[in-house]
C-alpha cells in the first residue's frame, strides 16, 4: 500500500493537530513510554507554540488516506536553550561544542508511527524527508535509552552518536551534519569508532523530543 507524506510549515500544522494527537497517543501511551492523557494534552499545547518556531515543519504520513505517522522539526535557536532537556545536552557536550555544532541546525523533536503501521518503512521515510529539509548546519536529535530499540535504530540509520554510552539521553547527528565530515573526535566517540564510523550506512524510524528526554524509534 503506497505511503504519502505531506509537509505542513508553521501554523498550518495546527490543522492536523487532532490527527497528530491521535498518533502521539498511539505511539507513546503504550510500552515502553506509558504516557497518559495529560502528556497527550501537553503535546497539543506545546505544538501550538512550536509552530511559531523558526523553520517549523511537520511531515505527516498517510496510508490509504489515513494518518499513520508524523515527525516535527525546527531550527535550534541561539543562544542554545536550557529548558526541557537541553541543559543536559550542554552538560554532556559542553557549551562551546553545542554552540558551534547544534545552534542553527535543524532539530527533530518528534517522530511517531502508529503501532499498527510499523515495520513498513514509514518512520525511516519521515526521518529522511525531514533531514533533507535541514539547514546547511545539519540536523540533530535527542533521544532516550528508555526504549531498547531507539539507539540501535538511529545507528542503523547512519546517524552519529555524540554522547557517551551509558547515559539516559543520547544525542545523534545526521549523516549529512558538517561535523561528521570535520575529521575530529566528538565528545562521546569511542576510540574504536574512529575506523568503524565510515562503514555505517543511512536508514530510519520514531522519536520524542527534549521535553521527555528523548527520541524513540518505530519502524
Protein backbone atom coordinates (compact mmCIF):
# COMPACT_ATOMS: atom_id res chain seq x y z
CA UNK A 1 0.00 0.00 0.00
CA UNK A 2 1.59 3.34 -1.04
CA UNK A 3 2.66 5.81 1.64
CA UNK A 4 2.09 9.52 1.03
CA UNK A 5 3.93 12.13 3.08
CA UNK A 6 2.82 15.76 3.11
CA UNK A 7 4.56 18.75 4.69
CA UNK A 8 2.94 21.45 6.80
CA UNK A 9 5.00 24.53 7.58
CA UNK A 10 4.42 26.81 10.55
CA UNK A 11 0.88 27.35 11.91
CA UNK A 12 -0.69 25.36 9.04
CA UNK A 13 0.33 22.25 11.00
CA UNK A 14 -2.38 23.04 13.55
CA UNK A 15 -4.98 21.96 11.02
CA UNK A 16 -3.67 18.44 11.57
CA UNK A 17 -3.43 18.76 15.37
CA UNK A 18 -6.18 16.23 16.02
CA UNK A 19 -4.55 13.59 13.83
CA UNK A 20 -1.14 14.28 15.35
CA UNK A 21 -2.56 13.91 18.86
CA UNK A 22 -4.12 10.55 17.93
CA UNK A 23 -0.80 9.34 16.51
CA UNK A 24 1.07 10.62 19.55
CA UNK A 25 -1.35 8.74 21.81
CA UNK A 26 -0.96 5.51 19.83
CA UNK A 27 2.84 5.73 19.79
CA UNK A 28 3.57 6.89 23.34
CA UNK A 29 0.73 5.78 25.63
CA UNK A 30 1.82 2.14 25.43
CA UNK A 31 5.07 0.44 26.47
CA UNK A 32 7.86 1.40 26.90
CA UNK A 33 6.81 5.05 27.32
CA UNK A 34 3.44 4.52 29.05
CA UNK A 35 2.42 8.17 28.89
CA UNK A 36 -1.10 9.21 29.92
CA UNK A 37 -3.68 11.61 28.52
CA UNK A 38 -2.12 14.54 30.36
CA UNK A 39 1.03 14.09 28.26
CA UNK A 40 -1.06 13.97 25.08
CA UNK A 41 -2.73 17.26 26.10
CA UNK A 42 0.70 18.68 26.89
CA UNK A 43 1.91 17.70 23.42
CA UNK A 44 -1.02 19.50 21.77
CA UNK A 45 -0.46 22.59 23.92
CA UNK A 46 3.26 22.57 23.12
CA UNK A 47 2.51 22.16 19.41
CA UNK A 48 0.50 25.38 19.46
CA UNK A 49 3.65 27.26 20.45
CA UNK A 50 6.14 25.17 18.48
CA UNK A 51 4.54 26.05 15.13
CA UNK A 52 5.82 29.61 15.57
CA UNK A 53 9.43 28.49 15.91
CA UNK A 54 11.72 29.44 13.00
CA UNK A 55 11.78 26.71 10.40
CA UNK A 56 8.99 24.65 11.98
CA UNK A 57 7.75 21.82 9.76
CA UNK A 58 5.56 18.76 10.31
CA UNK A 59 5.74 15.75 7.99
CA UNK A 60 2.53 13.68 8.06
CA UNK A 61 2.46 10.18 6.57
CA UNK A 62 -0.78 8.69 5.24
CA UNK A 63 -1.57 5.19 4.11
CA UNK A 64 -4.80 4.74 2.15
CA UNK A 65 -5.68 8.31 3.19
CA UNK A 66 -5.32 7.54 6.90
CA UNK A 67 -2.65 9.28 9.05
CA UNK A 68 -0.15 6.67 10.22
CA UNK A 69 2.89 8.68 11.31
CA UNK A 70 4.39 12.14 11.71
CA UNK A 71 7.56 14.00 12.51
CA UNK A 72 8.21 17.58 13.58
CA UNK A 73 11.36 19.70 13.35
CA UNK A 74 12.61 23.28 13.66
CA UNK A 75 15.81 25.29 13.69
CA UNK A 76 17.68 25.37 17.02
CA UNK A 77 17.85 28.98 18.21
CA UNK A 78 20.76 30.98 19.59
CA UNK A 79 21.63 31.02 22.39
CA UNK A 80 21.21 27.27 22.92
CA UNK A 81 18.10 26.69 25.11
CA UNK A 82 18.43 25.44 28.68
CA UNK A 83 14.82 24.37 29.35
CA UNK A 84 13.38 20.86 28.90
CA UNK A 85 16.40 18.52 28.48
CA UNK A 86 18.62 20.98 26.62
CA UNK A 87 20.57 21.68 29.80
CA UNK A 88 21.53 18.01 29.94
CA UNK A 89 22.81 18.23 26.37
CA UNK A 90 25.02 21.18 27.31
CA UNK A 91 26.25 19.35 30.42
CA UNK A 92 27.31 16.33 28.37
CA UNK A 93 28.74 18.02 25.30
CA UNK A 94 29.88 21.39 26.61
CA UNK A 95 28.61 24.88 25.85
CA UNK A 96 31.21 25.67 23.21
CA UNK A 97 30.52 22.44 21.33
CA UNK A 98 26.71 22.85 21.26
CA UNK A 99 27.05 26.49 20.20
CA UNK A 100 29.24 25.54 17.27
CA UNK A 101 27.51 22.37 16.09
CA UNK A 102 23.86 22.42 17.27
CA UNK A 103 22.81 26.09 17.25
CA UNK A 104 21.38 26.93 13.83
CA UNK A 105 20.98 23.26 12.92
CA UNK A 106 17.61 21.63 12.39
CA UNK A 107 16.47 19.54 15.34
CA UNK A 108 13.93 16.76 15.04
CA UNK A 109 11.60 16.96 18.02
CA UNK A 110 9.01 14.24 17.46
CA UNK A 111 8.91 11.15 15.25
CA UNK A 112 5.98 8.79 15.77
CA UNK A 113 4.41 5.92 13.85
CA UNK A 114 1.18 4.16 14.75
CA UNK A 115 1.96 0.67 16.10
CA UNK A 116 -0.46 -0.80 13.54
CA UNK A 117 1.59 0.69 10.70
CA UNK A 118 5.10 -0.05 11.94
CA UNK A 119 7.70 -2.13 10.07
CA UNK A 120 6.62 -0.66 6.75
CA UNK A 121 9.48 1.83 6.50
CA UNK A 122 7.28 4.81 7.42
CA UNK A 123 9.50 6.11 10.22
CA UNK A 124 12.65 6.00 8.08
CA UNK A 125 10.91 7.85 5.25
CA UNK A 126 9.72 10.63 7.56
CA UNK A 127 13.19 10.92 9.04
CA UNK A 128 14.77 11.04 5.59
CA UNK A 129 12.39 13.75 4.38
CA UNK A 130 12.88 15.93 7.45
CA UNK A 131 16.64 15.51 7.25
CA UNK A 132 16.52 16.56 3.60
CA UNK A 133 14.87 19.82 4.68
CA UNK A 134 17.69 20.62 7.10
CA UNK A 135 19.82 23.74 7.06
CA UNK A 136 23.48 23.78 5.90
CA UNK A 137 24.26 23.45 9.63
CA UNK A 138 22.85 19.90 9.53
CA UNK A 139 20.24 18.05 11.58
CA UNK A 140 20.35 16.59 15.10
CA UNK A 141 18.05 14.92 17.60
CA UNK A 142 17.89 13.98 21.25
CA UNK A 143 16.61 10.56 22.22
CA UNK A 144 16.28 8.37 25.29
CA UNK A 145 17.57 4.93 26.21
CA UNK A 146 14.15 4.12 27.72
CA UNK A 147 13.23 2.17 24.60
CA UNK A 148 15.70 -0.64 23.80
CA UNK A 149 15.24 -0.18 20.04
CA UNK A 150 15.85 3.56 19.81
CA UNK A 151 19.63 3.86 19.88
CA UNK A 152 20.26 0.82 17.64
CA UNK A 153 17.71 2.20 15.18
CA UNK A 154 19.45 5.54 14.74
CA UNK A 155 22.84 3.89 14.49
CA UNK A 156 21.44 1.69 11.74
CA UNK A 157 20.17 4.82 10.05
CA UNK A 158 23.72 6.07 9.87
CA UNK A 159 23.23 8.80 12.48
CA UNK A 160 26.31 9.60 14.57
CA UNK A 161 26.08 9.35 18.35
CA UNK A 162 27.96 12.19 20.03
CA UNK A 163 27.18 11.46 23.68
CA UNK A 164 28.79 8.72 25.71
CA UNK A 165 27.24 5.28 26.15
CA UNK A 166 25.56 4.58 29.48
CA UNK A 167 23.77 7.92 29.78
CA UNK A 168 19.99 8.43 29.92
CA UNK A 169 19.88 10.76 26.95
CA UNK A 170 21.60 10.31 23.61
CA UNK A 171 22.35 12.99 21.02
CA UNK A 172 22.66 11.99 17.36
CA UNK A 173 23.83 13.94 14.32
CA UNK A 174 22.50 13.17 10.85
CA UNK A 175 24.93 11.58 8.37
CA UNK A 176 24.96 14.90 6.46
CA UNK A 177 25.83 17.03 9.50
CA UNK A 178 29.02 19.08 8.83
CA UNK A 179 30.67 17.80 12.00
CA UNK A 180 30.51 14.23 10.66
CA UNK A 181 32.97 15.37 8.00
CA UNK A 182 35.13 17.55 10.25
CA UNK A 183 37.65 14.79 10.85
CA UNK A 184 37.84 15.27 14.61
CA UNK A 185 36.69 13.18 17.56
CA UNK A 186 33.39 14.23 19.11
CA UNK A 187 32.75 14.17 22.86
CA UNK A 188 31.13 10.71 23.08
CA UNK A 189 33.03 8.90 20.34
CA UNK A 190 34.50 5.62 21.45
CA UNK A 191 38.11 5.06 20.45
CA UNK A 192 37.18 2.05 18.26
CA UNK A 193 34.62 4.13 16.30
CA UNK A 194 37.39 6.06 14.60
CA UNK A 195 37.73 3.31 12.00
CA UNK A 196 34.15 1.92 12.14
CA UNK A 197 32.17 5.13 11.65
CA UNK A 198 32.65 5.37 7.88
CA UNK A 199 31.08 1.91 7.38
CA UNK A 200 27.64 2.88 8.79
CA UNK A 201 25.01 3.33 6.07
CA UNK A 202 21.90 5.57 6.35
CA UNK A 203 18.33 4.24 7.06
CA UNK A 204 15.45 5.50 9.65
CA UNK A 205 12.39 5.37 12.49
CA UNK A 206 10.20 7.13 15.58
CA UNK A 207 11.08 9.99 18.20
CA UNK A 208 10.14 12.14 21.15
CA UNK A 209 11.67 15.49 21.95
CA UNK A 210 13.74 17.07 24.71
CA UNK A 211 10.59 17.61 26.82
CA UNK A 212 10.64 13.93 27.78
CA UNK A 213 14.35 13.47 27.47
CA UNK A 214 14.45 11.64 24.24
CA UNK A 215 13.56 10.34 20.87
CA UNK A 216 12.09 6.91 20.26
CA UNK A 217 12.18 4.80 17.10
CA UNK A 218 9.41 2.84 15.35
CA UNK A 219 9.66 1.02 12.07
